[in-house]
Amino acid sequence: MMTYRVRLLALALFLSLTAATAARAAGNEVIGSYRVVQVTDLGPEVRVTLHIRLLNNSLQELSITRIALRDMHRGGKPAESSAWARLQPREGTTVEQQFVVPRAEYQRWSKGTRPMLQVAFQPAGGREVMRTIHLRRLPARRPQ
């Protein structure tokens, strides 16, 4: 009976470690979501303030060093911003960040396109890594 429980526990541990390794290998160390807080019309562009929630989906501490909002349909330089946050394993943080984006890109978000965020982070004792993540939209906050 005890041997069965030990084997079952060992199998559960192995499967959870395998799943975590697969997530890291697939580039899912950081996942995120967003909510639009404010939009300012700038003619062909808009200044948008985003409430961004980033989650460390790995088993090690990560230091977020930069974030950049990518325009999916245009080449060129992303709307970049410096950011710094230390995330413990399986923990998250929120930031409010302003970006200037083409009006057409912002309009695509309202039709379901998910913004792409480039996140530069450094694992504890490791080299900086850059990942592009698709942000999931959070429900709008209701006025209180």
N, C-alpha and C. Protein backbone atom coordinates (compact mmCIF):
# COMPACT_ATOMS: atom_id res chain seq x y z
N MET A 1 0.83 -1.19 0.00
CA MET A 1 0.00 0.00 0.00
C MET A 1 0.87 1.26 0.00
N MET A 2 1.88 1.29 0.87
CA MET A 2 2.76 2.45 0.94
C MET A 2 3.55 2.62 -0.35
N THR A 3 3.99 1.54 -0.95
CA THR A 3 4.74 1.60 -2.19
C THR A 3 3.89 2.22 -3.30
N TYR A 4 2.63 1.87 -3.36
CA TYR A 4 1.71 2.42 -4.35
C TYR A 4 1.59 3.93 -4.19
N ARG A 5 1.44 4.41 -2.96
CA ARG A 5 1.34 5.84 -2.70
C ARG A 5 2.63 6.57 -3.08
N VAL A 6 3.76 5.97 -2.77
CA VAL A 6 5.04 6.59 -3.11
C VAL A 6 5.19 6.68 -4.62
N ARG A 7 4.83 5.62 -5.33
CA ARG A 7 4.90 5.63 -6.79
C ARG A 7 3.95 6.67 -7.38
N LEU A 8 2.76 6.75 -6.83
CA LEU A 8 1.78 7.73 -7.31
C LEU A 8 2.27 9.16 -7.07
N LEU A 9 2.85 9.41 -5.91
CA LEU A 9 3.40 10.72 -5.61
C LEU A 9 4.57 11.05 -6.54
N ALA A 10 5.43 10.07 -6.77
CA ALA A 10 6.57 10.28 -7.68
C ALA A 10 6.09 10.58 -9.10
N LEU A 11 5.07 9.88 -9.55
CA LEU A 11 4.52 10.12 -10.88
C LEU A 11 3.91 11.52 -10.98
N ALA A 12 3.17 11.94 -9.95
CA ALA A 12 2.57 13.28 -9.95
C ALA A 12 3.66 14.35 -9.98
N LEU A 13 4.72 14.16 -9.21
CA LEU A 13 5.83 15.12 -9.20
C LEU A 13 6.50 15.17 -10.56
N PHE A 14 6.75 14.02 -11.16
CA PHE A 14 7.38 13.95 -12.48
C PHE A 14 6.53 14.68 -13.52
N LEU A 15 5.22 14.44 -13.51
CA LEU A 15 4.33 15.08 -14.49
C LEU A 15 4.28 16.59 -14.31
N SER A 16 4.27 17.07 -13.07
CA SER A 16 4.23 18.53 -12.85
C SER A 16 5.53 19.17 -13.29
N LEU A 17 6.66 18.54 -13.04
CA LEU A 17 7.96 19.07 -13.48
C LEU A 17 8.07 19.05 -15.00
N THR A 18 7.56 17.99 -15.62
CA THR A 18 7.59 17.90 -17.07
C THR A 18 6.74 19.00 -17.69
N ALA A 19 5.57 19.25 -17.13
CA ALA A 19 4.70 20.31 -17.65
C ALA A 19 5.35 21.68 -17.51
N ALA A 20 6.00 21.94 -16.38
CA ALA A 20 6.68 23.22 -16.17
C ALA A 20 7.84 23.39 -17.14
N THR A 21 8.59 22.31 -17.38
CA THR A 21 9.70 22.37 -18.32
C THR A 21 9.19 22.62 -19.73
N ALA A 22 8.10 21.98 -20.10
CA ALA A 22 7.52 22.19 -21.43
C ALA A 22 7.06 23.62 -21.61
N ALA A 23 6.47 24.21 -20.58
CA ALA A 23 6.02 25.61 -20.67
C ALA A 23 7.20 26.53 -20.88
N ARG A 24 8.28 26.31 -20.15
CA ARG A 24 9.48 27.15 -20.33
C ARG A 24 10.08 26.93 -21.70
N ALA A 25 10.15 25.71 -22.15
CA ALA A 25 10.73 25.41 -23.45
C ALA A 25 9.92 26.05 -24.57
N ALA A 26 8.63 26.18 -24.38
CA ALA A 26 7.78 26.76 -25.41
C ALA A 26 7.81 28.29 -25.38
N GLY A 27 8.54 28.89 -24.45
CA GLY A 27 8.61 30.35 -24.37
C GLY A 27 7.48 30.97 -23.60
N ASN A 28 6.88 30.24 -22.70
CA ASN A 28 5.76 30.75 -21.92
C ASN A 28 6.15 31.12 -20.50
N GLU A 29 7.38 31.59 -20.32
CA GLU A 29 7.82 31.96 -18.98
C GLU A 29 6.99 33.10 -18.42
N VAL A 30 6.59 34.02 -19.29
CA VAL A 30 5.79 35.18 -18.88
C VAL A 30 4.51 35.19 -19.71
N ILE A 31 3.38 35.35 -19.04
CA ILE A 31 2.11 35.50 -19.73
C ILE A 31 1.48 36.80 -19.25
N GLY A 32 0.54 37.36 -20.03
CA GLY A 32 0.00 38.65 -19.62
C GLY A 32 -1.40 38.92 -20.11
N SER A 33 -1.99 39.92 -19.48
CA SER A 33 -3.32 40.39 -19.84
C SER A 33 -3.32 41.91 -19.74
N TYR A 34 -4.36 42.54 -20.32
CA TYR A 34 -4.40 44.00 -20.32
C TYR A 34 -5.83 44.51 -20.24
N ARG A 35 -5.93 45.77 -19.86
CA ARG A 35 -7.18 46.52 -19.88
C ARG A 35 -6.84 47.93 -20.34
N VAL A 36 -7.63 48.49 -21.24
CA VAL A 36 -7.43 49.87 -21.68
C VAL A 36 -7.96 50.78 -20.60
N VAL A 37 -7.12 51.69 -20.12
CA VAL A 37 -7.49 52.62 -19.05
C VAL A 37 -7.90 53.97 -19.63
N GLN A 38 -7.13 54.45 -20.62
CA GLN A 38 -7.41 55.78 -21.18
C GLN A 38 -6.90 55.82 -22.61
N VAL A 39 -7.61 56.57 -23.46
CA VAL A 39 -7.21 56.73 -24.86
C VAL A 39 -7.26 58.22 -25.18
N THR A 40 -6.19 58.72 -25.80
CA THR A 40 -6.12 60.12 -26.23
C THR A 40 -5.91 60.15 -27.73
N ASP A 41 -6.79 60.87 -28.44
CA ASP A 41 -6.72 60.99 -29.90
C ASP A 41 -5.56 61.90 -30.29
N LEU A 42 -4.65 61.39 -31.12
CA LEU A 42 -3.52 62.17 -31.63
C LEU A 42 -3.56 62.25 -33.15
N GLY A 43 -4.73 62.16 -33.74
CA GLY A 43 -4.85 62.17 -35.20
C GLY A 43 -4.67 60.75 -35.75
N PRO A 44 -3.59 60.51 -36.50
CA PRO A 44 -3.39 59.16 -37.07
C PRO A 44 -2.93 58.14 -36.03
N GLU A 45 -2.63 58.62 -34.83
CA GLU A 45 -2.19 57.75 -33.74
C GLU A 45 -3.05 58.00 -32.51
N VAL A 46 -2.93 57.12 -31.54
CA VAL A 46 -3.59 57.32 -30.26
C VAL A 46 -2.58 57.04 -29.15
N ARG A 47 -2.73 57.78 -28.07
CA ARG A 47 -1.95 57.48 -26.86
C ARG A 47 -2.86 56.66 -25.98
N VAL A 48 -2.43 55.46 -25.69
CA VAL A 48 -3.26 54.55 -24.93
C VAL A 48 -2.53 54.17 -23.63
N THR A 49 -3.28 54.25 -22.54
CA THR A 49 -2.75 53.83 -21.25
C THR A 49 -3.32 52.44 -20.99
N LEU A 50 -2.42 51.48 -20.79
CA LEU A 50 -2.82 50.11 -20.55
C LEU A 50 -2.51 49.70 -19.12
N HIS A 51 -3.43 49.00 -18.51
CA HIS A 51 -3.21 48.32 -17.24
C HIS A 51 -2.77 46.92 -17.64
N ILE A 52 -1.51 46.57 -17.39
CA ILE A 52 -0.94 45.30 -17.83
C ILE A 52 -0.65 44.43 -16.62
N ARG A 53 -1.08 43.20 -16.69
CA ARG A 53 -0.79 42.22 -15.64
C ARG A 53 0.13 41.16 -16.24
N LEU A 54 1.33 41.04 -15.66
CA LEU A 54 2.30 40.03 -16.10
C LEU A 54 2.42 38.96 -15.03
N LEU A 55 2.49 37.72 -15.46
CA LEU A 55 2.59 36.59 -14.54
C LEU A 55 3.82 35.76 -14.89
N ASN A 56 4.63 35.49 -13.88
CA ASN A 56 5.78 34.61 -14.03
C ASN A 56 5.26 33.18 -14.03
N ASN A 57 5.31 32.54 -15.18
CA ASN A 57 4.78 31.20 -15.35
C ASN A 57 5.87 30.14 -15.19
N SER A 58 7.01 30.53 -14.65
CA SER A 58 8.13 29.59 -14.51
C SER A 58 8.36 29.25 -13.05
N LEU A 59 9.34 28.42 -12.82
CA LEU A 59 9.66 27.97 -11.46
C LEU A 59 10.86 28.71 -10.88
N GLN A 60 11.30 29.78 -11.54
CA GLN A 60 12.41 30.56 -11.01
C GLN A 60 12.08 32.05 -11.01
N GLU A 61 12.79 32.81 -10.20
CA GLU A 61 12.59 34.26 -10.13
C GLU A 61 13.01 34.90 -11.45
N LEU A 62 12.21 35.89 -11.90
CA LEU A 62 12.53 36.62 -13.13
C LEU A 62 12.55 38.11 -12.83
N SER A 63 13.47 38.83 -13.49
CA SER A 63 13.51 40.29 -13.42
C SER A 63 13.09 40.83 -14.78
N ILE A 64 11.95 41.53 -14.83
CA ILE A 64 11.47 42.16 -16.06
C ILE A 64 12.26 43.46 -16.23
N THR A 65 12.91 43.64 -17.39
CA THR A 65 13.74 44.82 -17.58
C THR A 65 13.17 45.81 -18.60
N ARG A 66 12.44 45.32 -19.61
CA ARG A 66 11.86 46.20 -20.62
C ARG A 66 10.59 45.58 -21.17
N ILE A 67 9.68 46.43 -21.60
CA ILE A 67 8.52 45.97 -22.35
C ILE A 67 8.36 46.86 -23.57
N ALA A 68 7.86 46.30 -24.65
CA ALA A 68 7.63 47.05 -25.88
C ALA A 68 6.36 46.54 -26.53
N LEU A 69 5.52 47.45 -26.97
CA LEU A 69 4.28 47.09 -27.64
C LEU A 69 4.56 47.01 -29.13
N ARG A 70 4.30 45.87 -29.73
CA ARG A 70 4.57 45.65 -31.16
C ARG A 70 3.35 45.97 -31.99
N ASP A 71 3.57 46.58 -33.17
CA ASP A 71 2.51 46.79 -34.15
C ASP A 71 2.53 45.58 -35.06
N MET A 72 1.45 44.82 -35.08
CA MET A 72 1.41 43.57 -35.84
C MET A 72 1.48 43.78 -37.34
N HIS A 73 1.04 44.92 -37.84
CA HIS A 73 0.90 45.11 -39.29
C HIS A 73 1.90 46.10 -39.88
N ARG A 74 2.79 46.59 -39.07
CA ARG A 74 3.76 47.56 -39.55
C ARG A 74 5.13 47.17 -39.04
N GLY A 75 6.12 47.34 -39.88
CA GLY A 75 7.48 47.14 -39.41
C GLY A 75 7.87 48.34 -38.57
N GLY A 76 9.13 48.51 -38.33
CA GLY A 76 9.56 49.68 -37.60
C GLY A 76 9.75 49.41 -36.13
N LYS A 77 10.06 50.48 -35.45
CA LYS A 77 10.39 50.39 -34.03
C LYS A 77 9.14 50.24 -33.17
N PRO A 78 9.17 49.32 -32.22
CA PRO A 78 8.02 49.17 -31.32
C PRO A 78 7.94 50.33 -30.34
N ALA A 79 6.77 50.55 -29.78
CA ALA A 79 6.59 51.54 -28.71
C ALA A 79 7.19 50.94 -27.44
N GLU A 80 8.41 51.35 -27.12
CA GLU A 80 9.16 50.71 -26.03
C GLU A 80 9.09 51.52 -24.76
N SER A 81 9.22 50.83 -23.67
CA SER A 81 9.22 51.46 -22.36
C SER A 81 10.11 50.66 -21.43
N SER A 82 10.81 51.37 -20.58
CA SER A 82 11.58 50.64 -19.59
C SER A 82 10.62 50.24 -18.47
N ALA A 83 10.87 49.11 -17.92
CA ALA A 83 10.03 48.61 -16.82
C ALA A 83 10.93 47.75 -15.95
N TRP A 84 10.67 47.74 -14.69
CA TRP A 84 11.46 46.89 -13.82
C TRP A 84 10.56 46.29 -12.78
N ALA A 85 10.60 44.99 -12.73
CA ALA A 85 9.83 44.27 -11.72
C ALA A 85 10.52 42.95 -11.46
N ARG A 86 10.52 42.53 -10.25
CA ARG A 86 11.04 41.22 -9.89
C ARG A 86 9.85 40.33 -9.57
N LEU A 87 9.77 39.22 -10.29
CA LEU A 87 8.64 38.30 -10.13
C LEU A 87 9.12 36.99 -9.54
N GLN A 88 8.52 36.62 -8.44
CA GLN A 88 8.79 35.32 -7.84
C GLN A 88 8.09 34.25 -8.69
N PRO A 89 8.51 32.99 -8.56
CA PRO A 89 7.86 31.92 -9.33
C PRO A 89 6.35 31.91 -9.09
N ARG A 90 5.60 31.82 -10.19
CA ARG A 90 4.14 31.73 -10.17
C ARG A 90 3.46 32.95 -9.56
N GLU A 91 4.14 34.09 -9.53
CA GLU A 91 3.54 35.32 -9.04
C GLU A 91 3.45 36.34 -10.15
N GLY A 92 2.63 37.37 -9.94
CA GLY A 92 2.42 38.38 -10.96
C GLY A 92 2.60 39.78 -10.43
N THR A 93 2.56 40.72 -11.36
CA THR A 93 2.62 42.14 -11.02
C THR A 93 1.77 42.90 -12.03
N THR A 94 1.37 44.11 -11.66
CA THR A 94 0.62 44.95 -12.59
C THR A 94 1.37 46.26 -12.78
N VAL A 95 1.27 46.80 -13.99
CA VAL A 95 1.84 48.11 -14.31
C VAL A 95 0.83 48.86 -15.17
N GLU A 96 0.84 50.18 -15.07
CA GLU A 96 0.09 51.00 -16.01
C GLU A 96 1.12 51.69 -16.87
N GLN A 97 0.98 51.54 -18.17
CA GLN A 97 1.99 52.04 -19.10
C GLN A 97 1.32 52.74 -20.27
N GLN A 98 1.90 53.86 -20.70
CA GLN A 98 1.39 54.59 -21.86
C GLN A 98 2.20 54.22 -23.10
N PHE A 99 1.48 54.07 -24.22
CA PHE A 99 2.11 53.81 -25.51
C PHE A 99 1.42 54.66 -26.56
N VAL A 100 2.16 55.07 -27.58
CA VAL A 100 1.57 55.73 -28.74
C VAL A 100 1.57 54.69 -29.86
N VAL A 101 0.37 54.40 -30.37
CA VAL A 101 0.22 53.37 -31.39
C VAL A 101 -0.60 53.92 -32.55
N PRO A 102 -0.44 53.36 -33.75
CA PRO A 102 -1.28 53.78 -34.88
C PRO A 102 -2.75 53.52 -34.56
N ARG A 103 -3.59 54.44 -34.99
CA ARG A 103 -5.03 54.31 -34.75
C ARG A 103 -5.56 52.98 -35.28
N ALA A 104 -5.08 52.56 -36.45
CA ALA A 104 -5.56 51.29 -37.04
C ALA A 104 -5.22 50.11 -36.14
N GLU A 105 -4.07 50.12 -35.52
CA GLU A 105 -3.69 49.04 -34.61
C GLU A 105 -4.63 49.02 -33.40
N TYR A 106 -4.88 50.18 -32.84
CA TYR A 106 -5.79 50.26 -31.69
C TYR A 106 -7.19 49.77 -32.08
N GLN A 107 -7.66 50.13 -33.26
CA GLN A 107 -8.99 49.68 -33.71
C GLN A 107 -9.04 48.17 -33.89
N ARG A 108 -7.93 47.56 -34.30
CA ARG A 108 -7.89 46.10 -34.43
C ARG A 108 -8.09 45.42 -33.07
N TRP A 109 -7.58 46.05 -32.01
CA TRP A 109 -7.77 45.48 -30.67
C TRP A 109 -9.25 45.37 -30.34
N SER A 110 -10.02 46.41 -30.71
CA SER A 110 -11.45 46.40 -30.37
C SER A 110 -12.20 45.35 -31.18
N LYS A 111 -11.58 44.84 -32.24
CA LYS A 111 -12.21 43.80 -33.07
C LYS A 111 -11.69 42.41 -32.71
N GLY A 112 -10.91 42.32 -31.63
CA GLY A 112 -10.48 41.01 -31.17
C GLY A 112 -9.01 40.67 -31.35
N THR A 113 -8.27 41.46 -32.11
CA THR A 113 -6.83 41.21 -32.24
C THR A 113 -6.17 41.47 -30.90
N ARG A 114 -5.29 40.59 -30.50
CA ARG A 114 -4.62 40.73 -29.20
C ARG A 114 -3.31 41.48 -29.38
N PRO A 115 -3.07 42.52 -28.58
CA PRO A 115 -1.80 43.24 -28.67
C PRO A 115 -0.62 42.31 -28.37
N MET A 116 0.48 42.56 -29.06
CA MET A 116 1.70 41.79 -28.82
C MET A 116 2.66 42.63 -27.99
N LEU A 117 3.12 42.07 -26.91
CA LEU A 117 4.04 42.76 -26.01
C LEU A 117 5.36 42.01 -26.01
N GLN A 118 6.45 42.74 -26.31
CA GLN A 118 7.77 42.15 -26.17
C GLN A 118 8.21 42.38 -24.74
N VAL A 119 8.64 41.33 -24.09
CA VAL A 119 9.06 41.41 -22.70
C VAL A 119 10.51 40.93 -22.62
N ALA A 120 11.38 41.79 -22.09
CA ALA A 120 12.77 41.39 -21.83
C ALA A 120 12.87 41.08 -20.34
N PHE A 121 13.39 39.91 -20.04
CA PHE A 121 13.53 39.52 -18.64
C PHE A 121 14.81 38.73 -18.46
N GLN A 122 15.22 38.66 -17.21
CA GLN A 122 16.44 37.94 -16.87
C GLN A 122 16.14 36.97 -15.73
N PRO A 123 16.33 35.67 -15.99
CA PRO A 123 16.19 34.71 -14.90
C PRO A 123 17.32 34.93 -13.88
N ALA A 124 17.09 34.56 -12.65
CA ALA A 124 18.12 34.70 -11.62
C ALA A 124 19.40 34.01 -12.08
N GLY A 125 20.49 34.77 -12.15
CA GLY A 125 21.79 34.22 -12.54
C GLY A 125 21.92 33.89 -14.01
N GLY A 126 20.97 34.31 -14.85
CA GLY A 126 21.02 33.97 -16.27
C GLY A 126 21.16 35.19 -17.16
N ARG A 127 21.10 34.96 -18.46
CA ARG A 127 21.20 36.03 -19.45
C ARG A 127 19.81 36.57 -19.79
N GLU A 128 19.78 37.82 -20.25
CA GLU A 128 18.50 38.43 -20.61
C GLU A 128 17.88 37.69 -21.79
N VAL A 129 16.57 37.51 -21.72
CA VAL A 129 15.80 36.81 -22.74
C VAL A 129 14.70 37.75 -23.21
N MET A 130 14.40 37.73 -24.52
CA MET A 130 13.31 38.54 -25.07
C MET A 130 12.24 37.59 -25.60
N ARG A 131 10.99 37.80 -25.16
CA ARG A 131 9.86 36.99 -25.61
C ARG A 131 8.75 37.92 -26.08
N THR A 132 8.00 37.49 -27.07
CA THR A 132 6.81 38.20 -27.51
C THR A 132 5.60 37.43 -27.01
N ILE A 133 4.73 38.13 -26.30
CA ILE A 133 3.53 37.48 -25.77
C ILE A 133 2.29 38.20 -26.30
N HIS A 134 1.22 37.45 -26.52
CA HIS A 134 -0.06 38.03 -26.91
C HIS A 134 -0.85 38.28 -25.64
N LEU A 135 -1.17 39.54 -25.40
CA LEU A 135 -1.92 39.89 -24.19
C LEU A 135 -3.39 39.50 -24.34
N ARG A 136 -3.95 38.98 -23.28
CA ARG A 136 -5.38 38.67 -23.24
C ARG A 136 -6.11 39.87 -22.64
N ARG A 137 -7.25 40.20 -23.19
CA ARG A 137 -8.01 41.35 -22.71
C ARG A 137 -8.75 41.02 -21.42
N LEU A 138 -8.59 41.88 -20.43
CA LEU A 138 -9.35 41.76 -19.18
C LEU A 138 -10.69 42.44 -19.37
N PRO A 139 -11.72 42.01 -18.66
CA PRO A 139 -13.01 42.70 -18.76
C PRO A 139 -12.87 44.15 -18.28
N ALA A 140 -13.67 45.03 -18.85
CA ALA A 140 -13.64 46.44 -18.46
C ALA A 140 -14.05 46.56 -16.99
N ARG A 141 -13.40 47.46 -16.30
CA ARG A 141 -13.73 47.70 -14.90
C ARG A 141 -14.98 48.54 -14.82
N ARG A 142 -15.89 48.13 -13.98
CA ARG A 142 -17.15 48.88 -13.82
C ARG A 142 -16.94 50.04 -12.85
N PRO A 143 -17.56 51.19 -13.15
CA PRO A 143 -17.45 52.33 -12.23
C PRO A 143 -18.09 52.01 -10.89
N GLN A 144 -17.51 52.54 -9.83
CA GLN A 144 -18.03 52.25 -8.49
C GLN A 144 -18.82 53.40 -7.94
